[in-house]
N, C-alpha and C. Protein backbone atom coordinates (compact mmCIF):
# COMPACT_ATOMS: atom_id res chain seq x y z
N MET A 1 0.85 -1.18 0.00
CA MET A 1 0.00 0.00 0.00
C MET A 1 0.89 1.24 0.00
N LYS A 2 0.46 2.24 -0.72
CA LYS A 2 1.12 3.54 -0.75
C LYS A 2 0.16 4.57 -0.16
N TYR A 3 0.67 5.79 0.03
CA TYR A 3 -0.13 6.86 0.63
C TYR A 3 0.03 8.12 -0.21
N VAL A 4 -1.10 8.64 -0.68
CA VAL A 4 -1.11 9.82 -1.54
C VAL A 4 -1.39 11.05 -0.69
N LEU A 5 -0.47 11.98 -0.73
CA LEU A 5 -0.63 13.28 -0.07
C LEU A 5 -1.13 14.24 -1.12
N ARG A 6 -2.27 14.85 -0.86
CA ARG A 6 -2.87 15.80 -1.81
C ARG A 6 -2.89 17.18 -1.16
N TYR A 7 -2.38 18.16 -1.89
CA TYR A 7 -2.43 19.55 -1.46
C TYR A 7 -3.48 20.30 -2.25
N ASP A 8 -4.32 21.05 -1.56
CA ASP A 8 -5.22 22.02 -2.16
C ASP A 8 -4.68 23.38 -1.76
N MET A 9 -4.37 24.20 -2.72
CA MET A 9 -3.79 25.50 -2.44
C MET A 9 -4.82 26.41 -1.76
N ALA A 10 -4.32 27.30 -0.93
CA ALA A 10 -5.19 28.28 -0.28
C ALA A 10 -5.78 29.19 -1.35
N PRO A 11 -7.04 29.62 -1.17
CA PRO A 11 -7.67 30.48 -2.18
C PRO A 11 -6.88 31.77 -2.44
N ASP A 12 -6.20 32.27 -1.43
CA ASP A 12 -5.47 33.53 -1.57
C ASP A 12 -3.96 33.30 -1.62
N VAL A 13 -3.55 32.13 -2.11
CA VAL A 13 -2.13 31.78 -2.14
C VAL A 13 -1.31 32.83 -2.90
N ASP A 14 -0.20 33.19 -2.32
CA ASP A 14 0.74 34.13 -2.93
C ASP A 14 1.80 33.30 -3.64
N PHE A 15 1.68 33.16 -4.96
CA PHE A 15 2.60 32.31 -5.70
C PHE A 15 4.01 32.88 -5.73
N GLU A 16 4.17 34.16 -5.56
CA GLU A 16 5.52 34.72 -5.45
C GLU A 16 6.19 34.18 -4.18
N ARG A 17 5.43 34.07 -3.11
CA ARG A 17 5.97 33.51 -1.86
C ARG A 17 6.29 32.03 -2.03
N ILE A 18 5.44 31.32 -2.76
CA ILE A 18 5.69 29.90 -3.02
C ILE A 18 7.00 29.74 -3.78
N VAL A 19 7.24 30.58 -4.77
CA VAL A 19 8.49 30.51 -5.52
C VAL A 19 9.68 30.76 -4.60
N GLU A 20 9.56 31.70 -3.67
CA GLU A 20 10.63 31.98 -2.71
C GLU A 20 10.92 30.78 -1.82
N LEU A 21 9.86 30.05 -1.48
CA LEU A 21 10.01 28.90 -0.57
C LEU A 21 10.37 27.60 -1.29
N ALA A 22 10.38 27.62 -2.61
CA ALA A 22 10.62 26.40 -3.39
C ALA A 22 11.94 25.71 -3.04
N PRO A 23 13.06 26.43 -2.87
CA PRO A 23 14.30 25.72 -2.51
C PRO A 23 14.19 24.96 -1.18
N ALA A 24 13.55 25.54 -0.19
CA ALA A 24 13.38 24.86 1.10
C ALA A 24 12.43 23.67 0.95
N HIS A 25 11.41 23.82 0.13
CA HIS A 25 10.47 22.73 -0.15
C HIS A 25 11.21 21.57 -0.82
N ARG A 26 12.04 21.89 -1.81
CA ARG A 26 12.80 20.85 -2.52
C ARG A 26 13.80 20.16 -1.58
N ALA A 27 14.42 20.92 -0.72
CA ALA A 27 15.35 20.32 0.24
C ALA A 27 14.61 19.34 1.15
N ARG A 28 13.39 19.70 1.53
CA ARG A 28 12.60 18.81 2.38
C ARG A 28 12.26 17.53 1.64
N TRP A 29 11.79 17.65 0.39
CA TRP A 29 11.44 16.41 -0.29
C TRP A 29 12.66 15.59 -0.65
N ALA A 30 13.82 16.22 -0.82
CA ALA A 30 15.04 15.46 -1.08
C ALA A 30 15.37 14.55 0.10
N THR A 31 15.14 15.05 1.30
CA THR A 31 15.39 14.26 2.51
C THR A 31 14.50 13.01 2.52
N PHE A 32 13.22 13.18 2.24
CA PHE A 32 12.29 12.05 2.25
C PHE A 32 12.59 11.10 1.09
N ARG A 33 12.98 11.63 -0.05
CA ARG A 33 13.36 10.79 -1.18
C ARG A 33 14.59 9.95 -0.81
N ASP A 34 15.58 10.60 -0.22
CA ASP A 34 16.81 9.90 0.16
C ASP A 34 16.55 8.82 1.20
N GLU A 35 15.56 9.04 2.06
CA GLU A 35 15.17 8.03 3.06
C GLU A 35 14.40 6.88 2.42
N GLY A 36 13.93 7.08 1.19
CA GLY A 36 13.18 6.05 0.48
C GLY A 36 11.69 6.07 0.75
N THR A 37 11.19 7.10 1.43
CA THR A 37 9.75 7.15 1.73
C THR A 37 8.95 7.98 0.74
N LEU A 38 9.61 8.84 -0.03
CA LEU A 38 8.93 9.65 -1.05
C LEU A 38 9.22 9.06 -2.41
N LEU A 39 8.16 8.68 -3.13
CA LEU A 39 8.32 8.03 -4.42
C LEU A 39 8.07 8.98 -5.60
N LEU A 40 7.09 9.85 -5.48
CA LEU A 40 6.70 10.78 -6.54
C LEU A 40 6.22 12.07 -5.90
N ILE A 41 6.43 13.19 -6.61
CA ILE A 41 5.93 14.47 -6.09
C ILE A 41 5.84 15.46 -7.24
N GLY A 42 4.84 16.32 -7.18
CA GLY A 42 4.75 17.38 -8.18
C GLY A 42 3.41 18.08 -8.19
N PRO A 43 3.40 19.27 -8.78
CA PRO A 43 2.16 20.04 -8.90
C PRO A 43 1.33 19.53 -10.07
N PHE A 44 0.06 19.86 -10.05
CA PHE A 44 -0.79 19.60 -11.21
C PHE A 44 -0.43 20.60 -12.30
N ALA A 45 -0.89 20.36 -13.53
CA ALA A 45 -0.55 21.21 -14.66
C ALA A 45 -0.83 22.68 -14.35
N ASP A 46 -1.95 22.94 -13.69
CA ASP A 46 -2.25 24.28 -13.21
C ASP A 46 -1.97 24.28 -11.71
N PRO A 47 -0.88 24.92 -11.27
CA PRO A 47 -0.50 24.87 -9.85
C PRO A 47 -1.60 25.32 -8.89
N ARG A 48 -2.55 26.10 -9.38
CA ARG A 48 -3.66 26.51 -8.51
C ARG A 48 -4.53 25.32 -8.11
N ASP A 49 -4.42 24.22 -8.87
CA ASP A 49 -5.16 23.00 -8.56
C ASP A 49 -4.49 22.18 -7.47
N GLY A 50 -3.28 22.58 -7.07
CA GLY A 50 -2.59 21.88 -5.99
C GLY A 50 -1.52 20.95 -6.49
N ALA A 51 -1.25 19.94 -5.69
CA ALA A 51 -0.15 19.01 -5.98
C ALA A 51 -0.43 17.70 -5.30
N LEU A 52 0.39 16.69 -5.65
CA LEU A 52 0.30 15.43 -4.95
C LEU A 52 1.67 14.81 -4.83
N ALA A 53 1.76 13.90 -3.88
CA ALA A 53 2.98 13.13 -3.66
C ALA A 53 2.57 11.74 -3.22
N VAL A 54 3.43 10.78 -3.50
CA VAL A 54 3.17 9.40 -3.12
C VAL A 54 4.29 8.95 -2.17
N PHE A 55 3.88 8.44 -1.02
CA PHE A 55 4.79 8.00 0.03
C PHE A 55 4.61 6.52 0.33
N THR A 56 5.61 5.94 0.95
CA THR A 56 5.54 4.53 1.32
C THR A 56 4.81 4.31 2.64
N THR A 57 4.70 5.35 3.48
CA THR A 57 3.99 5.23 4.76
C THR A 57 3.14 6.47 5.01
N ARG A 58 2.06 6.27 5.75
CA ARG A 58 1.22 7.40 6.17
C ARG A 58 2.02 8.36 7.05
N GLU A 59 2.83 7.79 7.93
CA GLU A 59 3.61 8.61 8.85
C GLU A 59 4.53 9.56 8.10
N ALA A 60 5.17 9.06 7.05
CA ALA A 60 6.06 9.91 6.26
C ALA A 60 5.28 11.01 5.56
N ALA A 61 4.14 10.68 4.99
CA ALA A 61 3.31 11.68 4.30
C ALA A 61 2.87 12.78 5.27
N GLU A 62 2.42 12.38 6.44
CA GLU A 62 1.96 13.35 7.43
C GLU A 62 3.12 14.20 7.96
N ALA A 63 4.26 13.57 8.18
CA ALA A 63 5.43 14.32 8.67
C ALA A 63 5.91 15.30 7.61
N PHE A 64 5.89 14.89 6.35
CA PHE A 64 6.29 15.78 5.27
C PHE A 64 5.41 17.03 5.27
N ALA A 65 4.11 16.82 5.25
CA ALA A 65 3.18 17.95 5.18
C ALA A 65 3.30 18.85 6.40
N ALA A 66 3.43 18.26 7.57
CA ALA A 66 3.47 19.05 8.80
C ALA A 66 4.63 20.04 8.83
N GLY A 67 5.74 19.71 8.18
CA GLY A 67 6.89 20.61 8.20
C GLY A 67 7.21 21.25 6.87
N ASP A 68 6.36 21.03 5.86
CA ASP A 68 6.63 21.59 4.53
C ASP A 68 6.46 23.11 4.57
N PRO A 69 7.44 23.86 4.08
CA PRO A 69 7.32 25.32 4.07
C PRO A 69 6.06 25.83 3.36
N PHE A 70 5.60 25.11 2.34
CA PHE A 70 4.38 25.53 1.64
C PHE A 70 3.17 25.47 2.57
N VAL A 71 3.14 24.48 3.45
CA VAL A 71 2.05 24.35 4.42
C VAL A 71 2.23 25.36 5.55
N VAL A 72 3.43 25.41 6.08
CA VAL A 72 3.72 26.28 7.23
C VAL A 72 3.44 27.75 6.90
N CYS A 73 3.73 28.17 5.67
CA CYS A 73 3.53 29.58 5.29
C CYS A 73 2.08 29.90 4.95
N GLY A 74 1.22 28.88 4.88
CA GLY A 74 -0.19 29.11 4.58
C GLY A 74 -0.53 29.03 3.11
N GLY A 75 0.41 28.63 2.28
CA GLY A 75 0.13 28.49 0.85
C GLY A 75 -0.78 27.32 0.53
N VAL A 76 -0.73 26.31 1.36
CA VAL A 76 -1.60 25.15 1.21
C VAL A 76 -2.78 25.35 2.15
N GLY A 77 -3.98 25.39 1.58
CA GLY A 77 -5.17 25.61 2.38
C GLY A 77 -5.64 24.36 3.10
N HIS A 78 -5.40 23.20 2.47
CA HIS A 78 -5.87 21.93 3.03
C HIS A 78 -5.03 20.82 2.44
N TRP A 79 -4.72 19.83 3.26
CA TRP A 79 -4.03 18.64 2.74
C TRP A 79 -4.66 17.39 3.33
N THR A 80 -4.56 16.31 2.56
CA THR A 80 -5.10 15.03 2.99
C THR A 80 -4.11 13.92 2.63
N VAL A 81 -4.20 12.83 3.38
CA VAL A 81 -3.44 11.63 3.07
C VAL A 81 -4.46 10.50 2.85
N THR A 82 -4.35 9.85 1.70
CA THR A 82 -5.29 8.78 1.35
C THR A 82 -4.52 7.51 1.03
N PRO A 83 -4.89 6.39 1.67
CA PRO A 83 -4.27 5.12 1.31
C PRO A 83 -4.59 4.77 -0.15
N TRP A 84 -3.62 4.19 -0.83
CA TRP A 84 -3.77 3.89 -2.25
C TRP A 84 -3.21 2.51 -2.53
N ASN A 85 -3.99 1.68 -3.19
CA ASN A 85 -3.54 0.35 -3.59
C ASN A 85 -2.93 0.46 -4.98
N GLU A 86 -1.64 0.42 -5.04
CA GLU A 86 -0.92 0.50 -6.30
C GLU A 86 -1.10 -0.79 -7.08
N VAL A 87 -1.40 -0.66 -8.37
CA VAL A 87 -1.51 -1.80 -9.26
C VAL A 87 -0.71 -1.49 -10.51
N LEU A 88 0.28 -2.30 -10.77
CA LEU A 88 1.08 -2.13 -11.97
C LEU A 88 0.55 -3.04 -13.06
N LEU A 89 0.35 -2.46 -14.23
CA LEU A 89 -0.13 -3.25 -15.36
C LEU A 89 1.00 -3.42 -16.35
N ASP A 90 0.97 -4.53 -17.07
CA ASP A 90 1.94 -4.72 -18.14
C ASP A 90 1.69 -3.70 -19.23
N PRO A 91 2.75 -3.15 -19.82
CA PRO A 91 2.56 -2.19 -20.91
C PRO A 91 1.86 -2.85 -22.09
N ILE A 92 1.08 -2.07 -22.77
CA ILE A 92 0.34 -2.57 -23.94
C ILE A 92 1.25 -2.60 -25.15
């Protein structure tokens, strides 16, 4: 089982502030990636729609969000962690 962290951006998000915080955000996800708990991460095509990340444990997903500069600064209005049953299919 994997765990999907979903970010919904705050309605009044200051994207200039998000850009300023991006290096600290990347440093945070690099730590989780290096630990092997972060598998995928990224914004949706329209960043106002939020972002998602896939983690190996709920604890890692929750810890990531709790200390993420994007969350701490108020850029993320709401986040959730949802268990996900990964299914790999053979390529067609």
